[in-house]
N, C-alpha and C. Protein backbone atom coordinates (compact mmCIF):
# COMPACT_ATOMS: atom_id res chain seq x y z
N MET A 1 -11.38 43.12 -55.27
CA MET A 1 -10.32 43.05 -54.30
C MET A 1 -10.09 41.60 -53.91
N LYS A 2 -8.85 41.25 -53.75
CA LYS A 2 -8.48 39.89 -53.35
C LYS A 2 -8.01 39.92 -51.90
N ILE A 3 -8.50 38.96 -51.11
CA ILE A 3 -8.15 38.86 -49.69
C ILE A 3 -7.60 37.46 -49.43
N ASP A 4 -6.34 37.37 -49.02
CA ASP A 4 -5.74 36.09 -48.65
C ASP A 4 -5.26 36.18 -47.21
N THR A 5 -5.53 35.14 -46.42
CA THR A 5 -5.04 35.11 -45.05
C THR A 5 -4.19 33.87 -44.84
N VAL A 6 -3.09 34.06 -44.10
CA VAL A 6 -2.16 32.97 -43.79
C VAL A 6 -1.76 33.11 -42.33
N ASN A 7 -1.74 31.99 -41.61
CA ASN A 7 -1.29 31.99 -40.22
C ASN A 7 0.21 31.73 -40.21
N GLU A 8 0.99 32.73 -39.79
CA GLU A 8 2.45 32.58 -39.69
C GLU A 8 2.85 32.74 -38.23
N ASN A 9 3.16 31.62 -37.59
CA ASN A 9 3.61 31.62 -36.19
C ASN A 9 2.64 32.36 -35.27
N GLY A 10 1.35 32.12 -35.45
CA GLY A 10 0.35 32.72 -34.59
C GLY A 10 -0.13 34.10 -35.03
N LYS A 11 0.54 34.70 -36.00
CA LYS A 11 0.08 35.98 -36.54
C LYS A 11 -0.67 35.72 -37.84
N ILE A 12 -1.78 36.40 -37.99
CA ILE A 12 -2.56 36.27 -39.22
C ILE A 12 -2.06 37.34 -40.19
N MET A 13 -1.48 36.89 -41.29
CA MET A 13 -1.02 37.79 -42.34
C MET A 13 -2.16 37.93 -43.34
N VAL A 14 -2.62 39.16 -43.53
CA VAL A 14 -3.75 39.43 -44.43
C VAL A 14 -3.19 40.17 -45.64
N ASN A 15 -3.17 39.49 -46.78
CA ASN A 15 -2.67 40.08 -48.02
C ASN A 15 -3.84 40.60 -48.83
N LEU A 16 -3.84 41.91 -49.06
CA LEU A 16 -4.91 42.54 -49.82
C LEU A 16 -4.37 43.05 -51.14
N SER A 17 -5.20 42.97 -52.17
CA SER A 17 -4.82 43.57 -53.45
C SER A 17 -6.07 44.08 -54.16
N GLY A 18 -5.90 45.18 -54.90
CA GLY A 18 -7.02 45.79 -55.59
C GLY A 18 -7.51 47.02 -54.87
N SER A 19 -8.80 47.30 -54.98
CA SER A 19 -9.42 48.47 -54.34
C SER A 19 -10.46 47.99 -53.33
N MET A 20 -10.53 48.69 -52.20
CA MET A 20 -11.47 48.32 -51.15
C MET A 20 -12.62 49.32 -51.10
N TYR A 21 -13.78 48.85 -51.54
CA TYR A 21 -15.01 49.64 -51.46
C TYR A 21 -15.93 48.96 -50.46
N VAL A 22 -17.16 49.43 -50.35
CA VAL A 22 -18.12 48.96 -49.34
C VAL A 22 -18.23 47.44 -49.31
N GLU A 23 -18.44 46.81 -50.45
CA GLU A 23 -18.66 45.36 -50.49
C GLU A 23 -17.44 44.59 -50.00
N GLU A 24 -16.26 44.99 -50.50
CA GLU A 24 -15.03 44.30 -50.11
C GLU A 24 -14.71 44.52 -48.63
N ALA A 25 -14.99 45.72 -48.15
CA ALA A 25 -14.75 46.03 -46.74
C ALA A 25 -15.59 45.13 -45.84
N ALA A 26 -16.84 44.88 -46.23
CA ALA A 26 -17.72 44.02 -45.44
C ALA A 26 -17.19 42.59 -45.42
N VAL A 27 -16.69 42.11 -46.55
CA VAL A 27 -16.13 40.76 -46.62
C VAL A 27 -14.90 40.66 -45.73
N LEU A 28 -14.02 41.66 -45.80
CA LEU A 28 -12.82 41.66 -44.96
C LEU A 28 -13.20 41.66 -43.49
N ARG A 29 -14.15 42.49 -43.12
CA ARG A 29 -14.60 42.56 -41.72
C ARG A 29 -15.08 41.19 -41.23
N GLU A 30 -15.91 40.54 -42.02
CA GLU A 30 -16.44 39.23 -41.61
C GLU A 30 -15.32 38.20 -41.46
N LYS A 31 -14.39 38.17 -42.41
CA LYS A 31 -13.27 37.21 -42.33
C LYS A 31 -12.45 37.42 -41.07
N LEU A 32 -12.14 38.68 -40.76
CA LEU A 32 -11.30 38.96 -39.60
C LEU A 32 -12.04 38.72 -38.29
N ILE A 33 -13.33 39.01 -38.25
CA ILE A 33 -14.10 38.74 -37.04
C ILE A 33 -14.16 37.24 -36.76
N VAL A 34 -14.36 36.43 -37.80
CA VAL A 34 -14.36 34.98 -37.62
C VAL A 34 -13.02 34.52 -37.05
N LEU A 35 -11.92 35.07 -37.57
CA LEU A 35 -10.60 34.70 -37.06
C LEU A 35 -10.43 35.12 -35.60
N MET A 36 -10.91 36.31 -35.26
CA MET A 36 -10.83 36.77 -33.86
C MET A 36 -11.66 35.88 -32.95
N GLU A 37 -12.84 35.51 -33.40
CA GLU A 37 -13.70 34.66 -32.58
C GLU A 37 -13.12 33.26 -32.41
N SER A 38 -12.24 32.86 -33.31
CA SER A 38 -11.60 31.54 -33.17
C SER A 38 -10.30 31.63 -32.37
N GLY A 39 -10.01 32.82 -31.79
CA GLY A 39 -8.90 32.95 -30.87
C GLY A 39 -7.67 33.69 -31.37
N HIS A 40 -7.67 34.14 -32.60
CA HIS A 40 -6.50 34.86 -33.12
C HIS A 40 -6.55 36.32 -32.66
N LYS A 41 -5.36 36.86 -32.31
CA LYS A 41 -5.29 38.21 -31.77
C LYS A 41 -4.34 39.13 -32.52
N GLN A 42 -3.36 38.58 -33.21
CA GLN A 42 -2.34 39.38 -33.88
C GLN A 42 -2.58 39.36 -35.38
N PHE A 43 -2.73 40.56 -35.97
CA PHE A 43 -3.01 40.68 -37.40
C PHE A 43 -2.03 41.64 -38.06
N VAL A 44 -1.50 41.23 -39.19
CA VAL A 44 -0.66 42.08 -40.02
C VAL A 44 -1.37 42.21 -41.36
N ILE A 45 -1.79 43.42 -41.68
CA ILE A 45 -2.53 43.66 -42.92
C ILE A 45 -1.59 44.31 -43.93
N LYS A 46 -1.34 43.59 -45.01
CA LYS A 46 -0.41 44.07 -46.04
C LYS A 46 -1.17 44.85 -47.10
N LEU A 47 -0.78 46.11 -47.24
CA LEU A 47 -1.46 47.02 -48.16
C LEU A 47 -0.63 47.31 -49.41
N ASN A 48 0.45 46.57 -49.61
CA ASN A 48 1.38 46.82 -50.73
C ASN A 48 0.67 46.91 -52.08
N HIS A 49 -0.34 46.07 -52.28
CA HIS A 49 -1.00 45.98 -53.59
C HIS A 49 -2.42 46.57 -53.58
N VAL A 50 -2.69 47.42 -52.58
CA VAL A 50 -4.00 48.08 -52.51
C VAL A 50 -3.87 49.44 -53.18
N GLU A 51 -4.73 49.69 -54.17
CA GLU A 51 -4.68 50.94 -54.92
C GLU A 51 -5.56 52.03 -54.32
N TYR A 52 -6.65 51.62 -53.65
CA TYR A 52 -7.58 52.61 -53.11
C TYR A 52 -8.39 52.00 -51.98
N ILE A 53 -8.68 52.81 -50.97
CA ILE A 53 -9.58 52.42 -49.88
C ILE A 53 -10.58 53.55 -49.71
N ASP A 54 -11.88 53.23 -49.74
CA ASP A 54 -12.88 54.28 -49.51
C ASP A 54 -13.15 54.41 -48.01
N SER A 55 -14.04 55.31 -47.65
CA SER A 55 -14.29 55.59 -46.23
C SER A 55 -14.82 54.37 -45.49
N SER A 56 -15.60 53.53 -46.16
CA SER A 56 -16.10 52.32 -45.49
C SER A 56 -14.96 51.36 -45.21
N GLY A 57 -14.00 51.29 -46.10
CA GLY A 57 -12.82 50.45 -45.88
C GLY A 57 -12.00 50.94 -44.70
N LEU A 58 -11.81 52.26 -44.62
CA LEU A 58 -11.10 52.83 -43.47
C LEU A 58 -11.86 52.54 -42.19
N GLY A 59 -13.19 52.65 -42.25
CA GLY A 59 -14.02 52.38 -41.08
C GLY A 59 -13.90 50.95 -40.60
N VAL A 60 -13.85 50.01 -41.53
CA VAL A 60 -13.69 48.60 -41.17
C VAL A 60 -12.33 48.37 -40.51
N LEU A 61 -11.29 48.97 -41.04
CA LEU A 61 -9.96 48.81 -40.43
C LEU A 61 -9.94 49.37 -39.01
N VAL A 62 -10.59 50.50 -38.81
CA VAL A 62 -10.67 51.09 -37.46
C VAL A 62 -11.46 50.17 -36.53
N ALA A 63 -12.58 49.62 -37.01
CA ALA A 63 -13.39 48.72 -36.19
C ALA A 63 -12.61 47.45 -35.82
N ILE A 64 -11.86 46.92 -36.77
CA ILE A 64 -11.05 45.73 -36.50
C ILE A 64 -9.96 46.04 -35.49
N GLN A 65 -9.33 47.21 -35.63
CA GLN A 65 -8.31 47.65 -34.68
C GLN A 65 -8.90 47.75 -33.27
N LYS A 66 -10.06 48.37 -33.16
CA LYS A 66 -10.72 48.53 -31.86
C LYS A 66 -11.04 47.17 -31.24
N ARG A 67 -11.57 46.28 -32.06
CA ARG A 67 -11.93 44.95 -31.56
C ARG A 67 -10.68 44.17 -31.13
N ALA A 68 -9.61 44.29 -31.89
CA ALA A 68 -8.36 43.61 -31.53
C ALA A 68 -7.83 44.13 -30.20
N LEU A 69 -7.87 45.43 -30.00
CA LEU A 69 -7.40 46.00 -28.73
C LEU A 69 -8.24 45.51 -27.55
N GLN A 70 -9.54 45.32 -27.77
CA GLN A 70 -10.42 44.84 -26.70
C GLN A 70 -10.05 43.43 -26.25
N ILE A 71 -9.45 42.64 -27.14
CA ILE A 71 -9.05 41.27 -26.78
C ILE A 71 -7.53 41.18 -26.56
N GLN A 72 -6.91 42.33 -26.26
CA GLN A 72 -5.47 42.43 -26.05
C GLN A 72 -4.67 41.95 -27.26
N GLY A 73 -5.16 42.27 -28.43
CA GLY A 73 -4.48 41.92 -29.67
C GLY A 73 -3.93 43.16 -30.34
N SER A 74 -3.55 43.01 -31.61
CA SER A 74 -3.01 44.15 -32.34
C SER A 74 -3.26 44.00 -33.84
N VAL A 75 -3.27 45.15 -34.50
CA VAL A 75 -3.35 45.21 -35.95
C VAL A 75 -2.21 46.10 -36.42
N THR A 76 -1.38 45.56 -37.30
CA THR A 76 -0.29 46.33 -37.89
C THR A 76 -0.54 46.43 -39.39
N LEU A 77 -0.42 47.64 -39.91
CA LEU A 77 -0.59 47.86 -41.35
C LEU A 77 0.79 48.00 -41.97
N VAL A 78 1.01 47.27 -43.06
CA VAL A 78 2.33 47.23 -43.69
C VAL A 78 2.21 47.60 -45.16
N GLY A 79 3.15 48.39 -45.65
CA GLY A 79 3.30 48.61 -47.07
C GLY A 79 2.38 49.62 -47.72
N ALA A 80 1.73 50.48 -46.95
CA ALA A 80 0.86 51.49 -47.56
C ALA A 80 1.73 52.48 -48.33
N SER A 81 1.31 52.80 -49.55
CA SER A 81 2.06 53.77 -50.35
C SER A 81 1.10 54.54 -51.23
N GLY A 82 1.60 55.59 -51.84
CA GLY A 82 0.82 56.38 -52.77
C GLY A 82 -0.45 56.93 -52.15
N LEU A 83 -1.56 56.80 -52.89
CA LEU A 83 -2.85 57.34 -52.46
C LEU A 83 -3.31 56.73 -51.14
N VAL A 84 -3.07 55.44 -50.94
CA VAL A 84 -3.50 54.78 -49.71
C VAL A 84 -2.77 55.39 -48.51
N LYS A 85 -1.47 55.59 -48.64
CA LYS A 85 -0.69 56.20 -47.56
C LYS A 85 -1.19 57.62 -47.30
N GLU A 86 -1.46 58.37 -48.37
CA GLU A 86 -1.96 59.74 -48.22
C GLU A 86 -3.29 59.76 -47.48
N LEU A 87 -4.18 58.79 -47.77
CA LEU A 87 -5.47 58.73 -47.08
C LEU A 87 -5.28 58.55 -45.57
N PHE A 88 -4.35 57.68 -45.19
CA PHE A 88 -4.10 57.47 -43.77
C PHE A 88 -3.53 58.73 -43.13
N GLU A 89 -2.68 59.44 -43.85
CA GLU A 89 -2.10 60.67 -43.31
C GLU A 89 -3.13 61.79 -43.22
N LEU A 90 -3.95 61.96 -44.27
CA LEU A 90 -4.98 63.01 -44.28
C LEU A 90 -6.01 62.81 -43.18
N THR A 91 -6.37 61.56 -42.93
CA THR A 91 -7.37 61.26 -41.91
C THR A 91 -6.74 61.09 -40.52
N ARG A 92 -5.41 61.19 -40.48
CA ARG A 92 -4.61 61.02 -39.26
C ARG A 92 -4.74 59.63 -38.66
N LEU A 93 -5.19 58.69 -39.46
CA LEU A 93 -5.26 57.30 -38.99
C LEU A 93 -3.88 56.69 -38.86
N ASN A 94 -2.88 57.32 -39.46
CA ASN A 94 -1.51 56.85 -39.27
C ASN A 94 -1.07 57.02 -37.82
N LYS A 95 -1.81 57.82 -37.05
CA LYS A 95 -1.53 57.98 -35.60
C LYS A 95 -2.26 56.91 -34.78
N VAL A 96 -3.29 56.30 -35.37
CA VAL A 96 -4.11 55.30 -34.69
C VAL A 96 -3.51 53.90 -34.86
N PHE A 97 -2.98 53.65 -36.03
CA PHE A 97 -2.45 52.31 -36.37
C PHE A 97 -0.94 52.28 -36.23
N THR A 98 -0.42 51.08 -35.96
CA THR A 98 1.00 50.84 -36.11
C THR A 98 1.20 50.60 -37.59
N MET A 99 1.99 51.47 -38.23
CA MET A 99 2.21 51.35 -39.67
C MET A 99 3.69 51.17 -39.95
N GLN A 100 3.96 50.24 -40.85
CA GLN A 100 5.35 49.97 -41.23
C GLN A 100 5.51 50.07 -42.72
């Protein structure tokens, strides 16, 4: 999985591609926590090029969302489609996240 982050006008754009399993989820979590600790609060996670997310990946996204809310921030998920979109709907996480 490839993880790229870009600061666009104070929002952190997180571009993901590939599949997110346990190892990749841990890397993503660490990157986003470091950004939060350095003062960033607004995150847009682009899922356009993500083919699969396992349960640990979903768990990391939920943990990041919870942490962002604690610091009055937000996490928006963009571009989920196919199997990834179905996973969010089946787990009802589409009700937890702002999804576009």
